Protein backbone atom coordinates (compact mmCIF):
# COMPACT_ATOMS: atom_id res chain seq x y z
CA LEU A 1 59.81 12.72 7.30
CA GLN A 2 59.07 16.41 6.71
CA ASP A 3 56.90 15.33 3.86
CA LEU A 4 54.13 17.81 3.66
CA GLU A 5 52.41 16.37 0.59
CA GLU A 6 52.29 12.75 2.26
CA ALA A 7 50.77 14.27 5.44
CA TYR A 8 48.23 16.41 3.45
CA LYS A 9 47.34 13.46 1.22
CA TRP A 10 46.33 10.83 3.84
CA ALA A 11 44.75 13.61 6.07
CA LYS A 12 42.59 14.73 3.24
CA LEU A 13 41.82 11.00 2.20
CA CYS A 14 40.73 10.28 5.78
CA LEU A 15 37.84 12.63 5.38
CA LEU A 16 36.38 9.99 2.87
CA PHE A 17 36.18 7.28 5.52
CA PRO A 18 32.87 8.36 7.09
CA GLY A 19 31.26 7.78 3.70
CA ILE A 20 33.17 4.61 2.83
CA PHE A 21 32.03 2.99 6.18
CA ASN A 22 28.61 4.81 6.20
CA SER A 23 29.47 6.26 9.67
CA PRO A 24 28.57 9.98 9.55
CA THR A 25 29.40 10.63 13.06
CA LEU A 26 33.05 10.06 12.22
CA LEU A 27 33.21 13.13 10.11
CA PRO A 28 33.21 15.99 12.53
CA LYS A 29 36.12 14.39 14.37
CA MET A 30 38.18 13.91 11.31
CA THR A 31 37.37 17.40 10.16
CA PHE A 32 38.51 18.79 13.46
CA PHE A 33 41.87 16.89 13.20
CA PHE A 34 42.36 17.87 9.72
CA HIS A 35 41.77 21.50 10.18
CA THR A 36 43.50 21.62 13.68
CA PHE A 37 46.94 20.00 12.54
CA ILE A 38 47.11 19.67 8.72
CA SER A 39 45.09 21.74 6.37
CA PHE A 40 46.74 25.12 6.92
CA LEU A 41 49.93 23.53 5.32
CA LYS A 42 48.24 23.93 2.00
CA GLU A 43 44.90 25.62 2.31
CA PRO A 44 44.09 29.36 3.51
CA ILE A 45 44.22 29.43 7.38
CA GLN A 46 41.06 31.55 7.32
CA ALA A 47 39.25 28.74 5.76
CA SER A 48 40.39 26.37 8.54
CA CYS A 49 39.58 28.89 11.10
CA ASP A 50 36.01 29.03 9.78
CA VAL A 51 35.52 25.37 9.58
CA LEU A 52 36.71 24.78 13.22
CA CYS A 53 33.95 27.07 14.40
CA LYS A 54 31.32 25.02 12.69
CA THR A 55 32.98 21.66 13.51
CA ARG A 56 32.70 22.60 17.25
CA GLN A 57 28.90 22.40 16.99
CA ASP A 58 28.89 19.26 15.11
CA LEU A 59 31.07 17.59 17.69
CA ILE A 60 28.66 18.74 20.53
CA MET A 61 25.75 17.31 18.50
CA ILE A 62 27.40 13.81 18.55
CA GLY A 63 28.11 14.06 22.24
CA ASP A 64 31.86 14.44 21.65
CA VAL A 65 32.29 17.33 23.99
CA HIS A 66 35.98 16.86 24.73
CA GLU A 67 36.91 17.50 21.15
CA ALA A 68 34.42 20.06 20.74
CA PHE A 69 36.34 22.19 23.39
CA VAL A 70 39.66 21.26 21.81
CA ALA A 71 38.22 22.71 18.46
CA MET A 72 37.01 25.87 20.19
CA PHE A 73 40.38 26.57 21.56
CA ASN A 74 42.18 26.02 18.16
CA HIS A 75 39.41 28.12 16.65
CA CYS A 76 40.41 30.95 19.02
CA ARG A 77 44.37 30.49 18.27
CA GLN A 78 43.69 30.50 14.47
CA MET A 79 41.66 33.68 14.67
CA PHE A 80 44.84 35.18 16.31
CA PHE A 81 47.17 33.92 13.65
CA ALA A 82 44.71 34.66 10.76
CA GLY A 83 44.87 38.31 11.91
CA THR A 84 41.07 38.49 12.85
CA ASP A 85 40.07 41.78 14.71
CA LEU A 86 41.38 41.22 18.19
CA VAL A 87 38.26 42.52 19.88
CA THR A 88 36.42 39.71 18.04
CA VAL A 89 39.20 37.25 19.15
CA ASP A 90 38.89 38.67 22.80
CA ASN A 91 35.12 37.94 22.80
CA HIS A 92 35.50 34.44 21.37
CA CYS A 93 38.21 33.61 24.06
CA THR A 94 36.26 35.06 26.84
CA SER A 95 33.10 33.01 25.63
CA THR A 96 35.14 29.88 25.29
CA THR A 97 36.59 30.21 28.65
CA LEU A 98 33.27 30.66 30.17
CA GLU A 99 31.64 27.83 28.50
CA MET A 100 34.56 25.50 29.27
CA THR A 101 34.51 26.30 32.83
CA LYS A 102 30.83 26.63 33.41
CA TYR A 103 29.68 23.79 31.30
CA ALA A 104 32.35 21.39 30.16
CA HIS A 105 32.56 19.20 32.97
CA VAL A 106 29.03 19.30 33.90
CA HIS A 107 27.77 18.56 30.47
CA GLN A 108 30.07 15.51 29.96
CA CYS A 109 29.37 14.27 33.43
CA LEU A 110 25.46 14.42 32.84
CA TYR A 111 26.02 12.78 29.51
CA ASN A 112 28.01 9.93 30.65
CA LEU A 113 25.59 9.24 33.68
CA PHE A 114 22.69 9.17 31.41
CA VAL A 115 24.27 6.75 28.86
CA ALA A 116 25.60 4.52 31.63
CA GLY A 117 22.02 4.32 33.25
CA ASP A 118 23.41 5.46 36.68
CA PHE A 119 20.17 7.41 37.30
CA GLU A 120 20.76 7.86 41.10
CA HIS A 121 23.97 9.64 40.61
CA LEU A 122 22.63 11.41 37.74
CA LYS A 123 19.69 12.90 39.84
CA ASN A 124 22.06 14.22 42.40
CA VAL A 125 24.22 15.89 39.96
CA ILE A 126 21.21 17.51 38.26
CA ASP A 127 19.93 18.57 41.59
CA GLU A 128 23.19 20.31 42.48
CA GLN A 129 23.37 22.16 39.06
CA LEU A 130 19.79 23.53 39.56
CA THR A 131 20.51 24.49 43.25
CA HIS A 132 23.64 26.64 42.16
CA ALA A 133 22.55 27.96 38.92
CA ASN A 134 22.56 31.80 38.80
CA CYS A 135 19.67 32.30 36.41
CA PHE A 136 17.04 30.37 34.56
CA ASP A 137 19.27 30.07 31.48
CA ASP A 138 21.90 28.36 33.55
CA LYS A 139 19.35 25.59 34.38
CA LEU A 140 18.43 24.62 30.99
CA GLN A 141 21.20 21.91 30.43
CA ALA A 142 20.27 20.41 33.88
CA TYR A 143 16.53 20.58 33.09
CA TYR A 144 17.10 18.87 29.83
CA CYS A 145 18.79 15.95 31.52
CA LEU A 146 16.05 16.04 34.18
CA VAL A 147 13.27 15.42 31.67
CA ARG A 148 15.12 12.64 29.94
CA PHE A 149 15.87 11.03 33.24
CA LEU A 150 12.13 11.22 34.18
CA TYR A 151 10.85 9.83 30.82
CA THR A 152 13.41 6.93 30.65
CA THR A 153 12.61 5.80 34.19
CA SER A 154 9.06 5.44 32.98
CA ASN A 155 7.74 8.70 34.77
CA SER A 156 6.09 10.13 31.55
CA ASN A 157 3.61 12.27 33.34
CA GLN A 158 6.21 14.24 35.24
CA ALA A 159 8.35 14.38 32.30
CA MET A 160 5.55 16.10 30.49
CA GLU A 161 4.62 18.33 33.16
CA LYS A 162 8.08 19.46 33.77
CA THR A 163 8.66 20.02 30.23
CA ARG A 164 5.48 22.02 29.94
CA PHE A 165 6.63 24.07 32.87
CA ILE A 166 10.11 24.80 31.33
CA LEU A 167 8.51 25.75 27.88
CA GLY A 168 6.14 28.24 29.78
CA GLU A 169 9.33 29.77 31.26
CA LEU A 170 10.57 30.10 27.88
CA GLY A 171 7.39 31.86 26.85
CA VAL A 172 5.73 29.00 24.83
CA THR A 173 2.22 27.89 26.00
CA PHE A 174 -0.55 25.81 24.15
CA PRO A 175 -4.30 26.21 24.00
CA GLU A 176 -6.64 23.58 24.60
CA ALA A 177 -6.35 20.93 21.91
CA THR A 178 -9.81 20.76 20.54
CA PRO A 179 -10.49 18.75 17.32
CA ASP A 180 -11.47 21.72 15.47
CA LEU A 181 -8.39 23.75 16.32
CA ILE A 182 -6.06 20.71 15.52
CA TYR A 183 -7.61 20.34 12.12
CA ARG A 184 -7.40 24.02 11.33
CA GLU A 185 -3.87 24.28 12.25
CA LEU A 186 -2.99 21.25 10.43
CA LEU A 187 -4.56 22.57 7.07
CA SER A 188 -2.86 26.00 7.77
CA THR A 189 0.63 24.40 7.94
CA LYS A 190 -0.02 22.20 5.14
CA ALA A 191 -0.88 25.44 2.98
CA GLN A 192 2.01 27.25 4.29
CA LEU A 193 4.32 24.06 3.24
CA ALA A 194 2.59 23.67 -0.13
CA ASN A 195 4.78 26.45 -1.61
CA ILE A 196 8.11 25.17 -0.40
CA SER A 197 10.09 23.12 -2.92
CA GLN A 198 12.87 20.72 -2.28
CA GLN A 199 15.28 23.56 -3.37
CA ASP A 200 13.72 26.13 -0.85
CA PHE A 201 14.03 23.46 1.88
CA ALA A 202 17.73 22.84 1.17
CA LYS A 203 18.30 26.78 1.29
CA ALA A 204 16.86 27.14 4.70
CA PRO A 205 18.79 29.27 6.99
CA ARG A 206 20.07 28.15 10.42
CA MET A 207 18.51 29.25 13.56
CA THR A 208 21.09 30.97 15.85
CA ASP A 209 19.24 32.63 18.85
CA LYS A 210 20.24 30.49 21.95
CA ARG A 211 16.98 30.51 23.84
CA MET A 212 14.98 29.76 20.62
CA LEU A 213 17.23 26.73 20.06
CA TRP A 214 16.61 25.51 23.72
CA THR A 215 12.78 26.10 23.01
CA MET A 216 12.81 23.94 20.07
CA ARG A 217 14.83 21.23 21.90
CA PHE A 218 12.30 21.16 24.61
CA MET A 219 9.31 21.06 22.37
CA HIS A 220 11.08 18.06 20.73
CA LYS A 221 11.20 16.38 23.96
CA PHE A 222 7.68 17.46 24.69
CA MET A 223 6.33 15.68 21.62
CA LYS A 224 7.94 12.52 22.64
CA TYR A 225 6.33 12.46 26.00
CA LEU A 226 3.03 13.56 24.42
CA PHE A 227 3.21 10.43 22.16
CA SER A 228 3.50 8.20 25.08
CA VAL A 229 0.87 9.61 27.24
CA ASN A 230 -1.53 11.90 25.39
CA THR A 231 -1.25 12.64 21.72
CA SER A 232 -4.03 15.30 21.38
CA LEU A 233 -1.65 18.30 21.90
CA LEU A 234 1.23 16.80 19.57
CA PRO A 235 -0.06 18.30 16.27
CA LEU A 236 -0.20 21.85 17.74
CA VAL A 237 3.37 21.46 19.06
CA ALA A 238 4.48 20.22 15.62
CA CYS A 239 2.80 23.17 13.88
CA ARG A 240 4.45 25.71 16.39
CA MET A 241 7.83 24.08 15.60
CA ILE A 242 7.53 24.45 11.94
CA ARG A 243 6.18 28.15 12.16
CA MET A 244 9.11 28.89 14.46
CA SER A 245 11.58 27.20 12.03
CA SER A 246 10.12 29.11 9.02
CA GLU A 247 10.40 32.62 10.89
CA ASN A 248 13.58 32.06 12.66
CA GLY A 249 15.59 29.43 10.62
CA CYS A 250 15.94 25.78 11.12
CA SER A 251 17.61 23.79 13.71
CA CYS A 252 18.26 20.11 14.38
CA ASP A 253 15.11 20.06 16.37
CA SER A 254 13.21 21.46 13.55
CA ALA A 255 13.39 17.98 11.72
CA MET A 256 11.39 16.32 14.52
CA GLY A 257 8.67 19.12 14.01
CA PHE A 258 8.41 18.14 10.33
CA VAL A 259 8.38 14.46 11.35
CA ALA A 260 5.60 15.02 13.85
CA TYR A 261 3.76 17.09 11.16
CA GLY A 262 3.92 14.15 8.86
CA TRP A 263 2.58 11.87 11.54
CA ALA A 264 -0.36 14.23 12.17
CA ALA A 265 -1.07 14.57 8.50
CA LEU A 266 -1.25 10.78 8.39
CA ASN A 267 -3.28 10.14 11.38
CA ILE A 268 -5.56 13.16 11.41
CA LEU A 269 -5.69 14.52 7.65
CA GLN A 270 -5.40 10.77 6.49
CA ASP A 271 -3.12 12.17 3.98
CA ILE A 272 -0.42 9.59 3.22
CA GLU A 273 1.33 11.47 0.43
CA GLU A 274 1.63 14.49 2.59
CA ALA A 275 3.18 12.45 5.42
CA TYR A 276 5.57 10.60 3.37
CA LYS A 277 6.67 13.62 1.36
CA TRP A 278 7.75 15.37 4.63
CA ALA A 279 9.14 12.38 6.52
CA LYS A 280 11.25 11.68 3.45
CA LEU A 281 12.37 15.31 3.03
CA CYS A 282 13.47 15.48 6.64
CA LEU A 283 16.29 12.91 5.71
CA LEU A 284 17.86 15.78 3.82
CA LEU A 285 18.22 18.03 6.89
CA PRO A 286 21.32 16.55 8.43
CA GLU A 287 23.25 17.55 5.31
CA ILE A 288 21.57 20.72 5.02
CA LEU A 289 22.45 21.67 8.71
CA SER A 290 25.73 20.05 8.45
CA SER A 291 24.73 17.84 11.28
CA PRO A 292 25.41 14.19 10.25
CA ALA A 293 24.67 12.87 13.69
CA LEU A 294 20.94 13.87 13.10
CA LEU A 295 20.61 11.28 10.28
CA PRO A 296 20.16 8.07 12.40
CA LYS A 297 17.41 9.59 14.53
CA LEU A 298 15.37 10.68 11.54
CA THR A 299 15.90 7.44 9.78
CA CYS A 300 14.69 5.71 12.93
CA TYR A 301 11.44 7.60 12.90
CA PHE A 302 11.02 7.24 9.11
CA HIS A 303 11.28 3.69 9.27
CA SER A 304 9.40 3.35 12.54
CA PHE A 305 6.20 5.23 11.63
CA THR A 306 6.11 6.22 7.90
CA SER A 307 8.11 4.43 5.32
CA PHE A 308 6.13 1.06 5.29
CA PHE A 309 3.01 2.95 3.80
CA LYS A 310 4.82 3.06 0.51
CA GLU A 311 8.06 0.93 0.77
CA PRO A 312 8.38 -2.69 1.52
CA ILE A 313 8.25 -3.34 5.23
CA GLN A 314 10.98 -5.90 4.96
CA ALA A 315 13.34 -2.93 3.89
CA SER A 316 12.12 -0.86 6.68
CA CYS A 317 12.75 -3.77 9.19
CA ASP A 318 16.44 -4.12 7.91
CA ALA A 319 17.05 -0.38 8.15
CA LEU A 320 16.05 -0.18 11.70
CA ARG A 321 18.48 -2.96 12.75
CA LYS A 322 21.46 -0.91 11.05
CA THR A 323 19.93 2.32 12.64
CA HIS A 324 20.10 0.89 16.16
CA GLN A 325 23.83 0.62 15.78
CA GLU A 326 24.29 3.98 14.38
CA LEU A 327 22.33 5.69 17.07
CA LEU A 328 24.43 4.02 19.89
CA MET A 329 27.44 5.22 17.98
CA VAL A 330 26.38 8.83 18.39
CA GLY A 331 25.41 8.27 21.90
CA ASP A 332 21.70 8.55 21.41
CA VAL A 333 20.74 5.69 23.57
CA GLN A 334 16.99 6.59 23.93
CA GLU A 335 16.40 6.53 20.09
CA ALA A 336 18.67 3.45 19.68
CA PHE A 337 16.15 1.57 21.81
CA ILE A 338 13.10 2.94 20.07
CA ALA A 339 14.80 1.57 16.84
CA SER A 340 15.70 -1.67 18.53
CA PHE A 341 12.07 -2.20 19.76
CA ASN A 342 10.38 -1.23 16.42
CA HIS A 343 12.92 -3.68 14.66
CA CYS A 344 11.64 -6.51 16.97
CA ARG A 345 8.02 -5.65 16.17
CA GLN A 346 8.60 -5.37 12.39
CA MET A 347 10.33 -8.63 12.42
CA LEU A 348 7.10 -10.30 13.55
CA PHE A 349 4.86 -8.60 11.21
CA VAL A 350 7.32 -9.37 8.28
CA GLY A 351 7.14 -13.20 9.19
CA ILE A 352 10.86 -13.66 10.03
CA ASP A 353 11.61 -17.03 11.69
CA LEU A 354 10.35 -16.61 15.35
CA ALA A 355 13.46 -18.19 16.78
CA ALA A 356 15.34 -15.16 15.27
CA VAL A 357 12.78 -12.87 16.75
CA ASP A 358 12.92 -14.39 20.04
CA LYS A 359 16.73 -13.98 20.11
CA ARG A 360 16.53 -10.41 19.12
CA CYS A 361 14.00 -9.55 21.78
CA THR A 362 15.95 -11.14 24.49
CA SER A 363 19.07 -9.16 23.55
CA THR A 364 16.97 -5.98 23.28
CA THR A 365 15.57 -6.52 26.79
CA LEU A 366 19.06 -7.07 28.27
CA GLU A 367 20.47 -4.09 26.64
CA MET A 368 17.54 -1.93 27.83
CA THR A 369 17.67 -3.14 31.31
CA LYS A 370 21.51 -2.85 31.52
CA HIS A 371 20.92 0.80 30.72
CA THR A 372 17.87 1.08 33.03
CA HIS A 373 15.85 2.35 30.13
CA VAL A 374 12.41 1.18 31.58
CA HIS A 375 9.90 2.96 29.17
CA GLN A 376 10.74 1.32 26.05
CA CYS A 377 11.51 -2.02 27.89
CA LEU A 378 7.86 -2.27 28.87
CA TYR A 379 6.76 -2.19 25.20
CA ASN A 380 9.45 -4.95 24.54
CA LEU A 381 8.41 -7.26 27.40
CA SER A 382 4.77 -7.54 26.08
CA HIS A 383 5.84 -8.07 22.61
CA HIS A 384 8.43 -10.76 23.47
CA LEU A 385 5.60 -12.60 25.18
CA VAL A 386 3.61 -12.82 21.93
CA VAL A 387 6.70 -14.22 20.26
CA LEU A 388 7.06 -16.86 22.82
CA LYS A 389 3.49 -17.82 22.69
CA LEU A 390 3.53 -18.29 19.08
CA ILE A 391 6.64 -20.70 19.50
CA GLY A 392 5.07 -22.48 22.25
CA ASN A 393 7.68 -21.96 24.90
CA HIS A 394 6.32 -19.22 27.10
CA SER A 395 5.86 -21.76 30.02
CA THR A 396 9.71 -22.24 30.25
CA LYS A 397 10.92 -18.78 29.22
CA ASN A 398 9.53 -15.68 31.04
CA PRO A 399 10.66 -12.48 29.49
CA PHE A 400 9.78 -10.58 32.74
CA GLU A 401 12.36 -12.34 34.60
CA ALA A 402 14.96 -9.96 33.11
CA PHE A 403 13.03 -7.03 34.32
CA LYS A 404 13.62 -8.01 38.04
CA GLY A 405 15.30 -5.20 39.98
CA VAL A 406 15.08 -2.73 37.12
CA SER A 407 12.07 -0.83 38.39
CA ASN A 408 10.81 0.18 41.99
CA GLU A 409 7.44 -1.64 41.10
CA GLU A 410 7.49 -5.38 40.88
CA ILE A 411 6.35 -6.49 37.36
CA ARG A 412 6.11 -10.24 37.16
CA ASP A 413 3.91 -10.81 34.09
CA GLU A 414 1.83 -8.90 31.56
CA ASP A 415 -1.01 -8.47 34.12
CA ASP A 416 1.22 -6.51 36.37
CA LEU A 417 2.64 -4.74 33.42
CA LEU A 418 -1.04 -3.60 32.44
CA LYS A 419 -1.71 -2.43 35.89
CA HIS A 420 1.58 -0.43 36.05
CA ALA A 421 0.79 1.21 32.73
CA VAL A 422 -2.86 2.18 33.76
CA SER A 423 -1.60 3.56 37.07
CA THR A 424 1.12 5.69 35.50
CA GLY A 425 -0.85 6.79 32.49
CA GLU A 426 1.43 5.01 30.01
CA PHE A 427 -1.47 4.81 27.51
CA GLY A 428 0.67 3.72 24.61
CA VAL A 429 1.77 0.63 26.72
CA VAL A 430 -1.84 -0.02 27.61
CA GLN A 431 -2.82 -0.06 23.82
CA ALA A 432 0.20 -2.10 22.84
CA ILE A 433 -0.80 -4.83 25.36
CA ARG A 434 -4.45 -4.71 24.02
CA PHE A 435 -3.10 -4.97 20.38
CA ASN A 436 -0.87 -8.02 21.45
CA ARG A 437 -3.69 -9.79 23.10
CA LEU A 438 -5.77 -9.27 20.06
CA PHE A 439 -2.98 -10.56 17.70
CA LEU A 440 -2.63 -13.65 19.82
CA ALA A 441 -6.40 -14.40 20.37
CA TYR A 442 -7.00 -14.09 16.57
CA TRP A 443 -3.98 -16.49 15.77
CA PHE A 444 -5.14 -19.06 18.27
CA LYS A 445 -8.80 -18.59 16.93
CA ARG A 446 -10.32 -17.27 20.24
CA TYR A 447 -12.60 -15.15 18.31
CA LYS A 448 -14.57 -13.77 21.28
CA GLU A 449 -11.50 -12.60 23.13
CA ALA A 450 -10.02 -11.22 19.65
CA ALA A 451 -13.36 -9.08 19.35
CA GLU A 452 -13.15 -7.83 23.05
CA MET A 453 -9.34 -6.75 22.48
CA ALA A 454 -10.18 -5.13 19.25
CA ALA A 455 -12.99 -3.03 20.82
CA LEU A 456 -10.89 -2.16 23.79
CA TYR A 457 -8.20 -0.93 21.46
CA LYS A 458 -10.22 1.90 20.41
CA PRO A 459 -9.86 4.90 20.28
CA ARG A 460 -6.55 4.34 18.44
CA THR A 461 -3.40 5.53 19.96
CA ARG A 462 -1.99 6.90 16.77
CA MET A 463 0.72 4.30 16.25
CA PRO A 464 0.19 3.69 12.39
CA LEU A 465 1.68 0.12 12.14
CA ILE A 466 -0.27 -1.52 14.87
CA ASP A 467 -3.32 0.52 13.72
CA ILE A 468 -2.98 -1.10 10.33
CA TYR A 469 -2.67 -4.76 11.88
CA HIS A 470 -5.45 -3.84 14.27
CA ALA A 471 -7.71 -3.17 11.28
CA PHE A 472 -6.73 -6.48 9.61
CA TYR A 473 -7.29 -8.67 12.51
CA GLU A 474 -10.46 -6.78 13.74
CA GLY A 475 -11.74 -7.16 10.01
CA LEU A 476 -11.08 -10.86 9.81
CA THR A 477 -12.75 -11.34 13.25
CA ALA A 478 -15.92 -9.45 12.07
CA PHE A 479 -16.21 -11.50 8.96
CA HIS A 480 -16.10 -14.66 10.94
CA PHE A 481 -18.94 -13.48 13.20
CA ALA A 482 -20.90 -12.14 10.37
CA ARG A 483 -20.71 -15.65 8.83
CA LYS A 484 -21.58 -17.33 11.92
CA LEU A 485 -24.64 -15.25 13.27
CA SER A 486 -28.05 -14.53 12.24
CA LYS A 487 -28.76 -11.67 9.74
CA ASP A 488 -29.95 -9.17 12.65
CA ASP A 489 -26.80 -9.94 14.78
CA SER A 490 -24.47 -9.94 11.86
CA GLU A 491 -25.12 -6.45 10.70
CA LYS A 492 -22.77 -4.74 13.13
CA TRP A 493 -19.92 -7.18 12.26
CA PHE A 494 -20.42 -6.61 8.34
CA GLN A 495 -20.04 -2.84 9.26
CA LEU A 496 -16.79 -3.34 11.24
CA GLY A 497 -15.38 -5.63 8.36
CA GLY A 498 -16.36 -3.16 5.66
CA LYS A 499 -14.45 -0.40 7.62
CA SER A 500 -11.30 -2.67 7.51
CA LEU A 501 -11.88 -3.35 3.84
CA SER A 502 -12.15 0.42 3.14
CA CYS A 503 -8.98 1.12 4.85
CA PHE A 504 -7.00 -1.61 3.09
CA LYS A 505 -8.37 -0.58 -0.34
CA THR A 506 -6.70 2.93 0.40
CA TRP A 507 -3.47 1.67 1.87
CA ALA A 508 -2.98 -0.86 -0.97
CA MET A 509 -3.02 1.91 -3.60
CA HIS A 510 0.03 3.25 -1.89
CA SER A 511 1.88 -0.17 -1.21
CA THR A 512 0.89 -3.16 -3.29
CA TRP A 513 3.77 -5.02 -1.76
CA ASN A 514 2.72 -4.50 1.96
CA TRP A 515 -1.03 -4.50 1.82
CA SER A 516 -2.39 -6.23 -1.27
CA ASN A 517 -2.33 -9.80 0.30
CA LYS A 518 -4.26 -8.53 3.36
CA LEU A 519 -6.79 -6.71 1.21
CA LEU A 520 -7.25 -9.85 -0.96
CA LEU A 521 -7.93 -12.16 2.17
CA LEU A 522 -10.27 -9.64 3.57
CA GLU A 523 -12.21 -9.64 0.34
CA ALA A 524 -12.20 -13.45 0.26
CA GLU A 525 -13.65 -13.63 3.79
CA TYR A 526 -16.30 -11.04 2.79
CA HIS A 527 -17.21 -12.88 -0.15
CA PHE A 528 -17.52 -16.03 1.71
CA SER A 529 -19.50 -14.40 4.20
CA ILE A 530 -22.32 -13.39 1.92
CA GLY A 531 -22.36 -16.55 -0.21
CA GLU A 532 -20.43 -15.48 -3.17
CA MET A 533 -18.49 -18.76 -3.25
CA GLU A 534 -16.96 -18.34 -6.79
CA LYS A 535 -15.49 -14.71 -6.02
CA ALA A 536 -14.34 -15.92 -2.53
CA GLU A 537 -12.41 -18.88 -3.98
CA GLU A 538 -10.69 -16.46 -6.43
CA LYS A 539 -9.60 -14.07 -3.80
CA TYR A 540 -8.41 -16.78 -1.60
CA TYR A 541 -6.02 -17.91 -4.44
CA LEU A 542 -4.82 -14.51 -5.06
CA ALA A 543 -4.31 -13.65 -1.28
CA ILE A 544 -2.09 -16.83 -1.10
CA LYS A 545 -0.11 -15.93 -4.15
CA SER A 546 0.40 -12.30 -3.16
CA ALA A 547 1.60 -13.37 0.27
CA ARG A 548 4.18 -15.69 -1.18
CA GLN A 549 5.35 -13.24 -3.80
CA HIS A 550 5.87 -10.50 -1.19
CA ARG A 551 7.59 -12.89 1.47
CA PHE A 552 4.82 -13.07 4.16
CA VAL A 553 5.15 -16.55 5.01
CA HIS A 554 2.81 -16.44 8.01
CA GLU A 555 0.06 -14.70 6.19
CA GLU A 556 0.52 -17.31 3.41
CA GLY A 557 -0.18 -19.73 5.98
CA LEU A 558 -3.35 -17.79 7.37
CA ALA A 559 -4.69 -17.54 3.87
CA ASN A 560 -4.33 -21.39 3.44
CA GLU A 561 -5.99 -21.93 6.71
CA LEU A 562 -9.01 -19.68 5.98
CA PHE A 563 -9.08 -21.43 2.53
CA PHE A 564 -9.22 -24.83 4.28
CA VAL A 565 -12.36 -23.44 6.36
CA PHE A 566 -13.95 -22.35 3.12
CA HIS A 567 -13.51 -25.80 1.43
CA ALA A 568 -14.22 -27.75 4.56
CA SER A 569 -17.69 -25.79 4.87
CA ASN A 570 -18.44 -26.67 1.29
CA GLY A 571 -17.71 -30.44 1.81
CA ASN A 572 -14.57 -30.34 -0.35
CA ALA A 573 -12.46 -32.67 1.76
CA GLU A 574 -9.72 -33.27 -0.61
CA GLU A 575 -8.96 -29.53 -1.23
CA ALA A 576 -9.60 -28.96 2.44
CA SER A 577 -7.00 -31.33 3.42
CA TYR A 578 -4.39 -29.99 1.01
CA ARG A 579 -4.95 -26.38 2.25
CA ILE A 580 -4.45 -27.25 5.85
CA SER A 581 -1.25 -29.20 5.17
CA GLN A 582 -0.01 -26.09 3.28
CA ALA A 583 -0.89 -23.83 6.31
CA ARG A 584 1.08 -26.24 8.51
CA VAL A 585 4.03 -25.98 6.48
CA CYS A 586 4.01 -22.15 6.40
CA TYR A 587 3.54 -22.08 10.03
CA GLU A 588 6.58 -24.30 10.73
CA ARG A 589 8.67 -22.27 8.41
CA TRP A 590 7.60 -19.20 10.39
CA GLY A 591 8.67 -21.01 13.63
CA ALA A 592 5.06 -20.74 15.09
CA PHE A 593 5.02 -24.41 16.40
CA ALA A 594 2.20 -23.58 18.70
CA ILE A 595 0.00 -22.36 15.87
CA ALA A 596 0.95 -25.60 13.80
CA GLU A 597 0.11 -27.70 16.91
CA ARG A 598 -3.28 -26.04 17.17
CA LEU A 599 -3.96 -27.17 13.47
CA ASN A 600 -3.11 -30.84 14.43
CA THR A 601 -5.72 -30.73 17.47
CA SER A 602 -8.34 -28.69 16.05
């Protein structure tokens, strides 16, 4: 139509679509097309040229390598037409050709194989690249895919050792992580960050040194492997990443350094406000670094590990479901499965209908096994078993059936899974299984087993959400034994219960919504255990009311069940009967028919 205005109008309007559809990964591609084919009709071509240079990096970040190289070529062409110094154009053309011929096919090949889960072919391609590389720098892309491959296939120790070797080659080493050193490093970093405002954070320069960018990238991966195998070194890595970012500018991986620092502030300094502040601020980095593809990953970590300390856990749960899809859209399959598993876990803790949780766990396992993502699948299998046992259909539906043929080692049930996790050093999986067994033992009122699993769970594995629920069920179990045993034997149980009470008093100050009903129930059990019946009765009422107000139907049922025990022990048969019927109603609404049946037979 030769209509420049119509062309420009709609090309410009298309740049709004990523915001309209809440799909930030679409923006680099739309920006690339706009400045390659349209913008120069009305805007200075120098501006289009500059934008294409930046867009190329954004396209690589979201895994769209083909479009990235098209953007690079058009940047070179527009530099020529804009009259840029020809020596500079020559340099850009040379580097673009080298990058295309040297990395374009290899990078796309490695990426596609990883996403597809074709790990046998991926390993062969990686080995070929490492064999033919001319220098260490040429090996970095292949090394990066190698450590991801090792981690995804549940070889966390090998992934960690290989990453540590690569970091050593890049000039980064770490001392022995003693508690005193960790504490001092965290306090030093906290003091360093105390003077940085949100405005300062927004003005942070970008890191440009290529080796330093790779160093940050490998430290990011190193932290992930440490989280699964041994968390002691993780705070030192986080502090090092923050120091490098403050001295040399921020990169996309800087965000994960701040996330890990927040995690360490939470678990070691016990500073919820500091942890929440930096986890929240990290959500600004994608915009600051013009890297929208980073946002889903940061959102995943925020809602998996931090947000629930101050925000309703139901909101975190919903956000993780949406974030899983966004991570798949940007090609970040590993993080997508982290989001998916944590969504499944939070669905259970929120009290969502267990049939829906079962369905979600099933689809998550199928998706993980389809892509051969073994590591995260191990967590989900044990969690899914919990859901099935609560429903009461675990004898007819075995979640481990879907795992056949995925791993070289046969894992037929949770006992096999535990042996595998112990033998491979998957300490996080071991701890998750112990927590899941504590959870089930308490709900089925197998108090001795619950106490044993609670004790085995320690020392805690630095997974904040299940640490919180561990404290809750250990505290309830402790007060049960404190009430049942003699004064001499009950002392240690009162101490355990007291620790849980103290924790929940702190947590409830930061989020009444999430933790007040649990605090009130612990207080009720405490008063019942020491014979303060009026105070206990008041706390039971308040615990039930709080659970109902904050939409924790399963914990409303639990409070009613424990209130039943209280009234039954005091000979109040009418009130006891009412409370047990209310508990049954709540459990059936939750979909925990095996728990409801337990009430009928107990």
